[in-house]
Amino acid sequence: MLIHDNKIYIQQRRENDIWKNLYEFPLIETKEKISDKQLQKELKEMGIRDYTISKTYSHQLTHRKIESHFIVSVLKCKLKKAEEEKFYKVTIKEFQRKYAHPRLIEKFLTDYLKSNQ
């Protein structure tokens, strides 16, 4: 979850899967767990250097189990223009109320908001 000026970046999922058209945070999606080194490389390419990683969140679909970590970064400045144009920026409350999103993200946000009150 990327935060800038008290707003988060979101995108609409376009892949043809169970979460098509739902909204999500910018993501690094892999079939298998990636190394810390690879994660740092991916984030650096997006201009992200300071971040925290959440605990593991799991979600059971009918045909598979999804395990994810959420990366939280408070950005001091906007993303690079090419990256910035890929996303919407909204408050967390707007996201929760107005944008359909997976239950997995809602679980994370509930914990995040509790720990950051």
PDB file of N, CA and C in Angstrom:
ATOM      1  N   MET A   1       0.856  -1.156   0.000  1.00  0.00           N
ATOM      2  CA  MET A   1       0.000   0.000   0.000  1.00  0.00           C
ATOM      3  C   MET A   1       0.904   1.221   0.000  1.00  0.00           C
ATOM      4  N   LEU A   2       0.787   1.993  -1.038  1.00  0.00           N
ATOM      5  CA  LEU A   2       1.581   3.203  -1.166  1.00  0.00           C
ATOM      6  C   LEU A   2       0.743   4.392  -0.732  1.00  0.00           C
ATOM      7  N   ILE A   3       1.298   5.191   0.156  1.00  0.00           N
ATOM      8  CA  ILE A   3       0.588   6.335   0.723  1.00  0.00           C
ATOM      9  C   ILE A   3       1.337   7.610   0.363  1.00  0.00           C
ATOM     10  N   HIS A   4       0.604   8.598  -0.134  1.00  0.00           N
ATOM     11  CA  HIS A   4       1.184   9.913  -0.416  1.00  0.00           C
ATOM     12  C   HIS A   4       0.117  10.960  -0.141  1.00  0.00           C
ATOM     13  N   ASP A   5       0.461  11.967   0.646  1.00  0.00           N
ATOM     14  CA  ASP A   5      -0.493  13.024   1.014  1.00  0.00           C
ATOM     15  C   ASP A   5      -1.788  12.448   1.590  1.00  0.00           C
ATOM     16  N   ASN A   6      -1.660  11.454   2.463  1.00  0.00           N
ATOM     17  CA  ASN A   6      -2.804  10.811   3.128  1.00  0.00           C
ATOM     18  C   ASN A   6      -3.770  10.113   2.171  1.00  0.00           C
ATOM     19  N   LYS A   7      -3.299   9.780   0.996  1.00  0.00           N
ATOM     20  CA  LYS A   7      -4.099   9.021   0.048  1.00  0.00           C
ATOM     21  C   LYS A   7      -3.308   7.784  -0.368  1.00  0.00           C
ATOM     22  N   ILE A   8      -4.055   6.761  -0.776  1.00  0.00           N
ATOM     23  CA  ILE A   8      -3.412   5.520  -1.213  1.00  0.00           C
ATOM     24  C   ILE A   8      -3.587   5.364  -2.720  1.00  0.00           C
ATOM     25  N   TYR A   9      -2.667   4.674  -3.317  1.00  0.00           N
ATOM     26  CA  TYR A   9      -2.738   4.369  -4.741  1.00  0.00           C
ATOM     27  C   TYR A   9      -3.511   3.063  -4.923  1.00  0.00           C
ATOM     28  N   ILE A  10      -4.443   3.062  -5.875  1.00  0.00           N
ATOM     29  CA  ILE A  10      -5.196   1.842  -6.196  1.00  0.00           C
ATOM     30  C   ILE A  10      -5.288   1.693  -7.716  1.00  0.00           C
ATOM     31  N   GLN A  11      -5.602   0.472  -8.131  1.00  0.00           N
ATOM     32  CA  GLN A  11      -5.802   0.193  -9.551  1.00  0.00           C
ATOM     33  C   GLN A  11      -6.920  -0.827  -9.690  1.00  0.00           C
ATOM     34  N   GLN A  12      -7.561  -0.824 -10.850  1.00  0.00           N
ATOM     35  CA  GLN A  12      -8.607  -1.812 -11.105  1.00  0.00           C
ATOM     36  C   GLN A  12      -7.990  -3.031 -11.762  1.00  0.00           C
ATOM     37  N   ARG A  13      -8.317  -4.170 -11.234  1.00  0.00           N
ATOM     38  CA  ARG A  13      -7.762  -5.419 -11.743  1.00  0.00           C
ATOM     39  C   ARG A  13      -8.401  -5.757 -13.084  1.00  0.00           C
ATOM     40  N   ARG A  14      -7.582  -6.023 -14.076  1.00  0.00           N
ATOM     41  CA  ARG A  14      -8.060  -6.298 -15.431  1.00  0.00           C
ATOM     42  C   ARG A  14      -7.898  -7.751 -15.839  1.00  0.00           C
ATOM     43  N   GLU A  15      -7.057  -8.511 -15.129  1.00  0.00           N
ATOM     44  CA  GLU A  15      -6.845  -9.906 -15.500  1.00  0.00           C
ATOM     45  C   GLU A  15      -8.172 -10.660 -15.479  1.00  0.00           C
ATOM     46  N   ASN A  16      -8.258 -11.683 -16.277  1.00  0.00           N
ATOM     47  CA  ASN A  16      -9.486 -12.461 -16.375  1.00  0.00           C
ATOM     48  C   ASN A  16      -9.483 -13.550 -15.301  1.00  0.00           C
ATOM     49  N   ASP A  17      -9.730 -13.155 -14.060  1.00  0.00           N
ATOM     50  CA  ASP A  17      -9.755 -14.101 -12.957  1.00  0.00           C
ATOM     51  C   ASP A  17     -10.899 -13.758 -12.006  1.00  0.00           C
ATOM     52  N   ILE A  18     -10.934 -14.417 -10.882  1.00  0.00           N
ATOM     53  CA  ILE A  18     -12.037 -14.246  -9.929  1.00  0.00           C
ATOM     54  C   ILE A  18     -12.164 -12.815  -9.398  1.00  0.00           C
ATOM     55  N   TRP A  19     -11.063 -12.071  -9.391  1.00  0.00           N
ATOM     56  CA  TRP A  19     -11.081 -10.698  -8.863  1.00  0.00           C
ATOM     57  C   TRP A  19     -11.126  -9.638  -9.961  1.00  0.00           C
ATOM     58  N   LYS A  20     -11.458 -10.043 -11.180  1.00  0.00           N
ATOM     59  CA  LYS A  20     -11.522  -9.085 -12.294  1.00  0.00           C
ATOM     60  C   LYS A  20     -12.456  -7.930 -11.933  1.00  0.00           C
ATOM     61  N   ASN A  21     -12.023  -6.734 -12.247  1.00  0.00           N
ATOM     62  CA  ASN A  21     -12.739  -5.472 -12.024  1.00  0.00           C
ATOM     63  C   ASN A  21     -12.772  -5.008 -10.574  1.00  0.00           C
ATOM     64  N   LEU A  22     -12.235  -5.794  -9.650  1.00  0.00           N
ATOM     65  CA  LEU A  22     -12.111  -5.309  -8.278  1.00  0.00           C
ATOM     66  C   LEU A  22     -10.889  -4.390  -8.199  1.00  0.00           C
ATOM     67  N   TYR A  23     -10.838  -3.595  -7.150  1.00  0.00           N
ATOM     68  CA  TYR A  23      -9.723  -2.666  -6.974  1.00  0.00           C
ATOM     69  C   TYR A  23      -8.717  -3.256  -5.999  1.00  0.00           C
ATOM     70  N   GLU A  24      -7.469  -2.884  -6.215  1.00  0.00           N
ATOM     71  CA  GLU A  24      -6.374  -3.408  -5.403  1.00  0.00           C
ATOM     72  C   GLU A  24      -5.273  -2.360  -5.327  1.00  0.00           C
ATOM     73  N   PHE A  25      -4.310  -2.610  -4.459  1.00  0.00           N
ATOM     74  CA  PHE A  25      -3.130  -1.773  -4.379  1.00  0.00           C
ATOM     75  C   PHE A  25      -2.186  -2.152  -5.520  1.00  0.00           C
ATOM     76  N   PRO A  26      -1.247  -1.284  -5.848  1.00  0.00           N
ATOM     77  CA  PRO A  26      -0.194  -1.720  -6.771  1.00  0.00           C
ATOM     78  C   PRO A  26       0.414  -2.997  -6.204  1.00  0.00           C
ATOM     79  N   LEU A  27       0.748  -3.943  -7.062  1.00  0.00           N
ATOM     80  CA  LEU A  27       1.210  -5.205  -6.512  1.00  0.00           C
ATOM     81  C   LEU A  27       2.327  -5.829  -7.312  1.00  0.00           C
ATOM     82  N   ILE A  28       3.001  -6.709  -6.622  1.00  0.00           N
ATOM     83  CA  ILE A  28       3.983  -7.589  -7.236  1.00  0.00           C
ATOM     84  C   ILE A  28       3.401  -8.977  -7.044  1.00  0.00           C
ATOM     85  N   GLU A  29       2.940  -9.566  -8.124  1.00  0.00           N
ATOM     86  CA  GLU A  29       2.235 -10.846  -8.039  1.00  0.00           C
ATOM     87  C   GLU A  29       3.140 -11.951  -8.579  1.00  0.00           C
ATOM     88  N   THR A  30       3.339 -12.981  -7.770  1.00  0.00           N
ATOM     89  CA  THR A  30       4.190 -14.098  -8.179  1.00  0.00           C
ATOM     90  C   THR A  30       3.498 -15.413  -7.862  1.00  0.00           C
ATOM     91  N   LYS A  31       3.897 -16.450  -8.546  1.00  0.00           N
ATOM     92  CA  LYS A  31       3.343 -17.777  -8.266  1.00  0.00           C
ATOM     93  C   LYS A  31       3.998 -18.399  -7.038  1.00  0.00           C
ATOM     94  N   GLU A  32       5.233 -18.002  -6.784  1.00  0.00           N
ATOM     95  CA  GLU A  32       5.969 -18.513  -5.625  1.00  0.00           C
ATOM     96  C   GLU A  32       6.573 -17.343  -4.856  1.00  0.00           C
ATOM     97  N   LYS A  33       6.928 -17.601  -3.626  1.00  0.00           N
ATOM     98  CA  LYS A  33       7.531 -16.571  -2.784  1.00  0.00           C
ATOM     99  C   LYS A  33       8.820 -16.067  -3.435  1.00  0.00           C
ATOM    100  N   ILE A  34       9.004 -14.734  -3.421  1.00  0.00           N
ATOM    101  CA  ILE A  34      10.228 -14.180  -3.986  1.00  0.00           C
ATOM    102  C   ILE A  34      11.217 -13.858  -2.874  1.00  0.00           C
ATOM    103  N   SER A  35      12.472 -13.782  -3.227  1.00  0.00           N
ATOM    104  CA  SER A  35      13.514 -13.501  -2.249  1.00  0.00           C
ATOM    105  C   SER A  35      13.467 -12.036  -1.832  1.00  0.00           C
ATOM    106  N   ASP A  36      14.042 -11.747  -0.680  1.00  0.00           N
ATOM    107  CA  ASP A  36      14.121 -10.360  -0.214  1.00  0.00           C
ATOM    108  C   ASP A  36      14.879  -9.500  -1.224  1.00  0.00           C
ATOM    109  N   LYS A  37      15.922 -10.064  -1.801  1.00  0.00           N
ATOM    110  CA  LYS A  37      16.729  -9.330  -2.780  1.00  0.00           C
ATOM    111  C   LYS A  37      15.890  -8.963  -4.011  1.00  0.00           C
ATOM    112  N   GLN A  38      15.094  -9.911  -4.505  1.00  0.00           N
ATOM    113  CA  GLN A  38      14.243  -9.655  -5.663  1.00  0.00           C
ATOM    114  C   GLN A  38      13.168  -8.614  -5.322  1.00  0.00           C
ATOM    115  N   LEU A  39      12.604  -8.710  -4.118  1.00  0.00           N
ATOM    116  CA  LEU A  39      11.604  -7.739  -3.676  1.00  0.00           C
ATOM    117  C   LEU A  39      12.200  -6.338  -3.642  1.00  0.00           C
ATOM    118  N   GLN A  40      13.370  -6.199  -3.054  1.00  0.00           N
ATOM    119  CA  GLN A  40      14.038  -4.891  -2.995  1.00  0.00           C
ATOM    120  C   GLN A  40      14.263  -4.331  -4.395  1.00  0.00           C
ATOM    121  N   LYS A  41      14.675  -5.197  -5.318  1.00  0.00           N
ATOM    122  CA  LYS A  41      14.913  -4.778  -6.702  1.00  0.00           C
ATOM    123  C   LYS A  41      13.621  -4.267  -7.338  1.00  0.00           C
ATOM    124  N   GLU A  42      12.536  -5.020  -7.174  1.00  0.00           N
ATOM    125  CA  GLU A  42      11.241  -4.630  -7.747  1.00  0.00           C
ATOM    126  C   GLU A  42      10.777  -3.286  -7.181  1.00  0.00           C
ATOM    127  N   LEU A  43      10.908  -3.125  -5.859  1.00  0.00           N
ATOM    128  CA  LEU A  43      10.467  -1.881  -5.219  1.00  0.00           C
ATOM    129  C   LEU A  43      11.348  -0.700  -5.631  1.00  0.00           C
ATOM    130  N   LYS A  44      12.626  -0.944  -5.736  1.00  0.00           N
ATOM    131  CA  LYS A  44      13.555   0.119  -6.140  1.00  0.00           C
ATOM    132  C   LYS A  44      13.204   0.630  -7.537  1.00  0.00           C
ATOM    133  N   GLU A  45      12.820  -0.285  -8.432  1.00  0.00           N
ATOM    134  CA  GLU A  45      12.425   0.108  -9.787  1.00  0.00           C
ATOM    135  C   GLU A  45      11.196   1.011  -9.778  1.00  0.00           C
ATOM    136  N   MET A  46      10.362   0.876  -8.747  1.00  0.00           N
ATOM    137  CA  MET A  46       9.185   1.741  -8.607  1.00  0.00           C
ATOM    138  C   MET A  46       9.522   3.028  -7.851  1.00  0.00           C
ATOM    139  N   GLY A  47      10.774   3.148  -7.381  1.00  0.00           N
ATOM    140  CA  GLY A  47      11.187   4.327  -6.635  1.00  0.00           C
ATOM    141  C   GLY A  47      10.895   4.226  -5.149  1.00  0.00           C
ATOM    142  N   ILE A  48      10.713   3.002  -4.642  1.00  0.00           N
ATOM    143  CA  ILE A  48      10.362   2.789  -3.238  1.00  0.00           C
ATOM    144  C   ILE A  48      11.571   2.219  -2.507  1.00  0.00           C
ATOM    145  N   ARG A  49      11.995   2.942  -1.465  1.00  0.00           N
ATOM    146  CA  ARG A  49      13.147   2.491  -0.701  1.00  0.00           C
ATOM    147  C   ARG A  49      12.807   2.208   0.767  1.00  0.00           C
ATOM    148  N   ASP A  50      11.919   2.992   1.340  1.00  0.00           N
ATOM    149  CA  ASP A  50      11.527   2.807   2.740  1.00  0.00           C
ATOM    150  C   ASP A  50      10.156   2.153   2.796  1.00  0.00           C
ATOM    151  N   TYR A  51      10.067   1.017   3.495  1.00  0.00           N
ATOM    152  CA  TYR A  51       8.805   0.294   3.555  1.00  0.00           C
ATOM    153  C   TYR A  51       8.804  -0.667   4.737  1.00  0.00           C
ATOM    154  N   THR A  52       7.612  -1.112   5.087  1.00  0.00           N
ATOM    155  CA  THR A  52       7.448  -2.187   6.078  1.00  0.00           C
ATOM    156  C   THR A  52       6.637  -3.294   5.406  1.00  0.00           C
ATOM    157  N   ILE A  53       6.823  -4.500   5.905  1.00  0.00           N
ATOM    158  CA  ILE A  53       6.116  -5.657   5.357  1.00  0.00           C
ATOM    159  C   ILE A  53       5.190  -6.216   6.429  1.00  0.00           C
ATOM    160  N   SER A  54       3.952  -6.473   6.054  1.00  0.00           N
ATOM    161  CA  SER A  54       2.956  -6.994   6.989  1.00  0.00           C
ATOM    162  C   SER A  54       3.196  -8.468   7.301  1.00  0.00           C
ATOM    163  N   LYS A  55       2.419  -8.936   8.257  1.00  0.00           N
ATOM    164  CA  LYS A  55       2.373 -10.380   8.503  1.00  0.00           C
ATOM    165  C   LYS A  55       1.762 -11.056   7.276  1.00  0.00           C
ATOM    166  N   THR A  56       1.753 -12.365   7.262  1.00  0.00           N
ATOM    167  CA  THR A  56       1.147 -13.111   6.167  1.00  0.00           C
ATOM    168  C   THR A  56      -0.376 -13.109   6.313  1.00  0.00           C
ATOM    169  N   TYR A  57      -1.052 -12.810   5.226  1.00  0.00           N
ATOM    170  CA  TYR A  57      -2.510 -12.888   5.173  1.00  0.00           C
ATOM    171  C   TYR A  57      -2.862 -14.009   4.203  1.00  0.00           C
ATOM    172  N   SER A  58      -3.826 -14.842   4.597  1.00  0.00           N
ATOM    173  CA  SER A  58      -4.231 -15.973   3.760  1.00  0.00           C
ATOM    174  C   SER A  58      -5.695 -15.841   3.388  1.00  0.00           C
ATOM    175  N   HIS A  59      -6.005 -16.346   2.206  1.00  0.00           N
ATOM    176  CA  HIS A  59      -7.390 -16.348   1.733  1.00  0.00           C
ATOM    177  C   HIS A  59      -7.610 -17.634   0.947  1.00  0.00           C
ATOM    178  N   GLN A  60      -8.613 -18.384   1.338  1.00  0.00           N
ATOM    179  CA  GLN A  60      -8.898 -19.653   0.677  1.00  0.00           C
ATOM    180  C   GLN A  60      -9.959 -19.450  -0.393  1.00  0.00           C
ATOM    181  N   LEU A  61      -9.595 -19.677  -1.639  1.00  0.00           N
ATOM    182  CA  LEU A  61     -10.552 -19.708  -2.731  1.00  0.00           C
ATOM    183  C   LEU A  61     -10.984 -21.162  -2.901  1.00  0.00           C
ATOM    184  N   THR A  62     -11.946 -21.410  -3.714  1.00  0.00           N
ATOM    185  CA  THR A  62     -12.399 -22.793  -3.887  1.00  0.00           C
ATOM    186  C   THR A  62     -11.314 -23.683  -4.477  1.00  0.00           C
ATOM    187  N   HIS A  63     -10.479 -23.129  -5.326  1.00  0.00           N
ATOM    188  CA  HIS A  63      -9.490 -23.929  -6.041  1.00  0.00           C
ATOM    189  C   HIS A  63      -8.036 -23.698  -5.625  1.00  0.00           C
ATOM    190  N   ARG A  64      -7.801 -22.718  -4.756  1.00  0.00           N
ATOM    191  CA  ARG A  64      -6.430 -22.502  -4.297  1.00  0.00           C
ATOM    192  C   ARG A  64      -6.378 -21.574  -3.095  1.00  0.00           C
ATOM    193  N   LYS A  65      -5.248 -21.612  -2.415  1.00  0.00           N
ATOM    194  CA  LYS A  65      -5.036 -20.758  -1.248  1.00  0.00           C
ATOM    195  C   LYS A  65      -4.067 -19.641  -1.643  1.00  0.00           C
ATOM    196  N   ILE A  66      -4.426 -18.417  -1.310  1.00  0.00           N
ATOM    197  CA  ILE A  66      -3.570 -17.269  -1.599  1.00  0.00           C
ATOM    198  C   ILE A  66      -2.922 -16.816  -0.301  1.00  0.00           C
ATOM    199  N   GLU A  67      -1.630 -16.667  -0.329  1.00  0.00           N
ATOM    200  CA  GLU A  67      -0.904 -16.119   0.807  1.00  0.00           C
ATOM    201  C   GLU A  67      -0.223 -14.849   0.337  1.00  0.00           C
ATOM    202  N   SER A  68      -0.382 -13.798   1.124  1.00  0.00           N
ATOM    203  CA  SER A  68       0.203 -12.528   0.704  1.00  0.00           C
ATOM    204  C   SER A  68       0.743 -11.744   1.883  1.00  0.00           C
ATOM    205  N   HIS A  69       1.634 -10.856   1.547  1.00  0.00           N
ATOM    206  CA  HIS A  69       2.160  -9.862   2.473  1.00  0.00           C
ATOM    207  C   HIS A  69       1.825  -8.514   1.855  1.00  0.00           C
ATOM    208  N   PHE A  70       1.552  -7.551   2.684  1.00  0.00           N
ATOM    209  CA  PHE A  70       1.299  -6.202   2.204  1.00  0.00           C
ATOM    210  C   PHE A  70       2.503  -5.351   2.556  1.00  0.00           C
ATOM    211  N   ILE A  71       2.941  -4.592   1.592  1.00  0.00           N
ATOM    212  CA  ILE A  71       4.067  -3.690   1.781  1.00  0.00           C
ATOM    213  C   ILE A  71       3.478  -2.296   1.936  1.00  0.00           C
ATOM    214  N   VAL A  72       3.885  -1.617   3.004  1.00  0.00           N
ATOM    215  CA  VAL A  72       3.388  -0.269   3.261  1.00  0.00           C
ATOM    216  C   VAL A  72       4.552   0.695   3.144  1.00  0.00           C
ATOM    217  N   SER A  73       4.354   1.721   2.327  1.00  0.00           N
ATOM    218  CA  SER A  73       5.376   2.743   2.165  1.00  0.00           C
ATOM    219  C   SER A  73       4.710   4.110   2.139  1.00  0.00           C
ATOM    220  N   VAL A  74       5.174   4.993   3.011  1.00  0.00           N
ATOM    221  CA  VAL A  74       4.713   6.376   2.995  1.00  0.00           C
ATOM    222  C   VAL A  74       5.711   7.131   2.119  1.00  0.00           C
ATOM    223  N   LEU A  75       5.229   7.591   0.994  1.00  0.00           N
ATOM    224  CA  LEU A  75       6.099   8.250   0.016  1.00  0.00           C
ATOM    225  C   LEU A  75       6.284   9.722   0.348  1.00  0.00           C
ATOM    226  N   LYS A  76       7.505  10.194   0.231  1.00  0.00           N
ATOM    227  CA  LYS A  76       7.793  11.614   0.476  1.00  0.00           C
ATOM    228  C   LYS A  76       7.411  12.460  -0.727  1.00  0.00           C
ATOM    229  N   CYS A  77       7.412  11.845  -1.902  1.00  0.00           N
ATOM    230  CA  CYS A  77       7.002  12.553  -3.108  1.00  0.00           C
ATOM    231  C   CYS A  77       6.207  11.579  -3.984  1.00  0.00           C
ATOM    232  N   LYS A  78       5.554  12.108  -4.985  1.00  0.00           N
ATOM    233  CA  LYS A  78       4.763  11.273  -5.888  1.00  0.00           C
ATOM    234  C   LYS A  78       5.641  10.234  -6.565  1.00  0.00           C
ATOM    235  N   LEU A  79       4.989   9.203  -7.100  1.00  0.00           N
ATOM    236  CA  LEU A  79       5.697   8.226  -7.920  1.00  0.00           C
ATOM    237  C   LEU A  79       6.172   8.910  -9.200  1.00  0.00           C
ATOM    238  N   LYS A  80       7.066   8.240  -9.898  1.00  0.00           N
ATOM    239  CA  LYS A  80       7.485   8.740 -11.203  1.00  0.00           C
ATOM    240  C   LYS A  80       6.240   8.889 -12.069  1.00  0.00           C
ATOM    241  N   LYS A  81       6.241   9.886 -12.957  1.00  0.00           N
ATOM    242  CA  LYS A  81       5.048  10.195 -13.755  1.00  0.00           C
ATOM    243  C   LYS A  81       4.475   8.975 -14.475  1.00  0.00           C
ATOM    244  N   ALA A  82       5.329   8.161 -15.058  1.00  0.00           N
ATOM    245  CA  ALA A  82       4.853   6.971 -15.777  1.00  0.00           C
ATOM    246  C   ALA A  82       4.133   6.016 -14.833  1.00  0.00           C
ATOM    247  N   GLU A  83       4.603   5.891 -13.603  1.00  0.00           N
ATOM    248  CA  GLU A  83       3.955   5.036 -12.603  1.00  0.00           C
ATOM    249  C   GLU A  83       2.679   5.702 -12.081  1.00  0.00           C
ATOM    250  N   GLU A  84       2.769   6.990 -11.790  1.00  0.00           N
ATOM    251  CA  GLU A  84       1.654   7.751 -11.218  1.00  0.00           C
ATOM    252  C   GLU A  84       0.393   7.634 -12.082  1.00  0.00           C
ATOM    253  N   GLU A  85       0.556   7.650 -13.388  1.00  0.00           N
ATOM    254  CA  GLU A  85      -0.589   7.645 -14.303  1.00  0.00           C
ATOM    255  C   GLU A  85      -1.330   6.312 -14.348  1.00  0.00           C
ATOM    256  N   LYS A  86      -0.765   5.265 -13.784  1.00  0.00           N
ATOM    257  CA  LYS A  86      -1.398   3.949 -13.787  1.00  0.00           C
ATOM    258  C   LYS A  86      -2.450   3.799 -12.689  1.00  0.00           C
ATOM    259  N   PHE A  87      -2.461   4.718 -11.725  1.00  0.00           N
ATOM    260  CA  PHE A  87      -3.258   4.529 -10.518  1.00  0.00           C
ATOM    261  C   PHE A  87      -4.230   5.667 -10.235  1.00  0.00           C
ATOM    262  N   TYR A  88      -5.228   5.356  -9.402  1.00  0.00           N
ATOM    263  CA  TYR A  88      -6.097   6.359  -8.784  1.00  0.00           C
ATOM    264  C   TYR A  88      -5.523   6.633  -7.405  1.00  0.00           C
ATOM    265  N   LYS A  89      -5.794   7.823  -6.869  1.00  0.00           N
ATOM    266  CA  LYS A  89      -5.410   8.131  -5.487  1.00  0.00           C
ATOM    267  C   LYS A  89      -6.669   8.480  -4.708  1.00  0.00           C
ATOM    268  N   VAL A  90      -6.899   7.751  -3.615  1.00  0.00           N
ATOM    269  CA  VAL A  90      -8.093   7.958  -2.787  1.00  0.00           C
ATOM    270  C   VAL A  90      -7.717   7.791  -1.318  1.00  0.00           C
ATOM    271  N   THR A  91      -8.574   8.270  -0.424  1.00  0.00           N
ATOM    272  CA  THR A  91      -8.335   8.017   0.997  1.00  0.00           C
ATOM    273  C   THR A  91      -8.696   6.560   1.293  1.00  0.00           C
ATOM    274  N   ILE A  92      -8.205   6.055   2.397  1.00  0.00           N
ATOM    275  CA  ILE A  92      -8.537   4.677   2.780  1.00  0.00           C
ATOM    276  C   ILE A  92     -10.044   4.536   2.973  1.00  0.00           C
ATOM    277  N   LYS A  93     -10.662   5.515   3.626  1.00  0.00           N
ATOM    278  CA  LYS A  93     -12.112   5.439   3.852  1.00  0.00           C
ATOM    279  C   LYS A  93     -12.883   5.429   2.524  1.00  0.00           C
ATOM    280  N   GLU A  94     -12.476   6.264   1.563  1.00  0.00           N
ATOM    281  CA  GLU A  94     -13.113   6.248   0.239  1.00  0.00           C
ATOM    282  C   GLU A  94     -12.975   4.873  -0.404  1.00  0.00           C
ATOM    283  N   PHE A  95     -11.765   4.330  -0.324  1.00  0.00           N
ATOM    284  CA  PHE A  95     -11.501   3.011  -0.906  1.00  0.00           C
ATOM    285  C   PHE A  95     -12.432   1.970  -0.301  1.00  0.00           C
ATOM    286  N   GLN A  96     -12.550   1.975   1.022  1.00  0.00           N
ATOM    287  CA  GLN A  96     -13.384   0.976   1.687  1.00  0.00           C
ATOM    288  C   GLN A  96     -14.861   1.133   1.340  1.00  0.00           C
ATOM    289  N   ARG A  97     -15.323   2.354   1.183  1.00  0.00           N
ATOM    290  CA  ARG A  97     -16.748   2.591   0.936  1.00  0.00           C
ATOM    291  C   ARG A  97     -17.160   2.526  -0.526  1.00  0.00           C
ATOM    292  N   LYS A  98     -16.293   2.982  -1.429  1.00  0.00           N
ATOM    293  CA  LYS A  98     -16.720   3.191  -2.811  1.00  0.00           C
ATOM    294  C   LYS A  98     -16.109   2.245  -3.840  1.00  0.00           C
ATOM    295  N   TYR A  99     -15.085   1.509  -3.464  1.00  0.00           N
ATOM    296  CA  TYR A  99     -14.394   0.673  -4.450  1.00  0.00           C
ATOM    297  C   TYR A  99     -14.449  -0.792  -4.027  1.00  0.00           C
ATOM    298  N   ALA A 100     -15.073  -1.606  -4.853  1.00  0.00           N
ATOM    299  CA  ALA A 100     -15.147  -3.044  -4.563  1.00  0.00           C
ATOM    300  C   ALA A 100     -13.728  -3.612  -4.561  1.00  0.00           C
ATOM    301  N   HIS A 101     -13.415  -4.374  -3.519  1.00  0.00           N
ATOM    302  CA  HIS A 101     -12.062  -4.929  -3.385  1.00  0.00           C
ATOM    303  C   HIS A 101     -12.128  -6.291  -2.711  1.00  0.00           C
ATOM    304  N   PRO A 102     -11.085  -7.103  -2.891  1.00  0.00           N
ATOM    305  CA  PRO A 102     -11.080  -8.446  -2.306  1.00  0.00           C
ATOM    306  C   PRO A 102     -11.105  -8.416  -0.771  1.00  0.00           C
ATOM    307  N   ARG A 103     -11.702  -9.430  -0.212  1.00  0.00           N
ATOM    308  CA  ARG A 103     -11.765  -9.597   1.249  1.00  0.00           C
ATOM    309  C   ARG A 103     -10.363  -9.620   1.866  1.00  0.00           C
ATOM    310  N   LEU A 104      -9.417 -10.172   1.168  1.00  0.00           N
ATOM    311  CA  LEU A 104      -8.037 -10.229   1.649  1.00  0.00           C
ATOM    312  C   LEU A 104      -7.500  -8.823   1.950  1.00  0.00           C
ATOM    313  N   ILE A 105      -7.782  -7.875   1.083  1.00  0.00           N
ATOM    314  CA  ILE A 105      -7.349  -6.488   1.305  1.00  0.00           C
ATOM    315  C   ILE A 105      -8.090  -5.890   2.483  1.00  0.00           C
ATOM    316  N   GLU A 106      -9.371  -6.191   2.616  1.00  0.00           N
ATOM    317  CA  GLU A 106     -10.138  -5.653   3.738  1.00  0.00           C
ATOM    318  C   GLU A 106      -9.595  -6.156   5.069  1.00  0.00           C
ATOM    319  N   LYS A 107      -9.205  -7.421   5.132  1.00  0.00           N
ATOM    320  CA  LYS A 107      -8.602  -7.963   6.358  1.00  0.00           C
ATOM    321  C   LYS A 107      -7.350  -7.169   6.727  1.00  0.00           C
ATOM    322  N   PHE A 108      -6.507  -6.933   5.736  1.00  0.00           N
ATOM    323  CA  PHE A 108      -5.297  -6.162   5.986  1.00  0.00           C
ATOM    324  C   PHE A 108      -5.634  -4.749   6.462  1.00  0.00           C
ATOM    325  N   LEU A 109      -6.547  -4.068   5.764  1.00  0.00           N
ATOM    326  CA  LEU A 109      -6.883  -2.689   6.134  1.00  0.00           C
ATOM    327  C   LEU A 109      -7.455  -2.586   7.538  1.00  0.00           C
ATOM    328  N   THR A 110      -8.263  -3.552   7.934  1.00  0.00           N
ATOM    329  CA  THR A 110      -8.817  -3.560   9.285  1.00  0.00           C
ATOM    330  C   THR A 110      -7.688  -3.581  10.308  1.00  0.00           C
ATOM    331  N   ASP A 111      -6.729  -4.461  10.119  1.00  0.00           N
ATOM    332  CA  ASP A 111      -5.575  -4.531  11.027  1.00  0.00           C
ATOM    333  C   ASP A 111      -4.735  -3.261  10.956  1.00  0.00           C
ATOM    334  N   TYR A 112      -4.514  -2.771   9.765  1.00  0.00           N
ATOM    335  CA  TYR A 112      -3.700  -1.566   9.578  1.00  0.00           C
ATOM    336  C   TYR A 112      -4.317  -0.379  10.304  1.00  0.00           C
ATOM    337  N   LEU A 113      -5.612  -0.185  10.135  1.00  0.00           N
ATOM    338  CA  LEU A 113      -6.276   0.955  10.771  1.00  0.00           C
ATOM    339  C   LEU A 113      -6.290   0.831  12.287  1.00  0.00           C
ATOM    340  N   LYS A 114      -6.450  -0.380  12.810  1.00  0.00           N
ATOM    341  CA  LYS A 114      -6.402  -0.590  14.258  1.00  0.00           C
ATOM    342  C   LYS A 114      -5.043  -0.216  14.830  1.00  0.00           C
ATOM    343  N   SER A 115      -3.987  -0.572  14.125  1.00  0.00           N
ATOM    344  CA  SER A 115      -2.631  -0.326  14.638  1.00  0.00           C
ATOM    345  C   SER A 115      -2.123   1.079  14.359  1.00  0.00           C
ATOM    346  N   ASN A 116      -2.858   1.859  13.559  1.00  0.00           N
ATOM    347  CA  ASN A 116      -2.406   3.216  13.209  1.00  0.00           C
ATOM    348  C   ASN A 116      -3.422   4.292  13.587  1.00  0.00           C
ATOM    349  N   GLN A 117      -4.130   4.064  14.674  1.00  0.00           N
ATOM    350  CA  GLN A 117      -5.124   5.071  15.110  1.00  0.00           C
ATOM    351  C   GLN A 117      -4.459   6.171  15.897  1.00  0.00           C
TER     352      GLN A 117
END
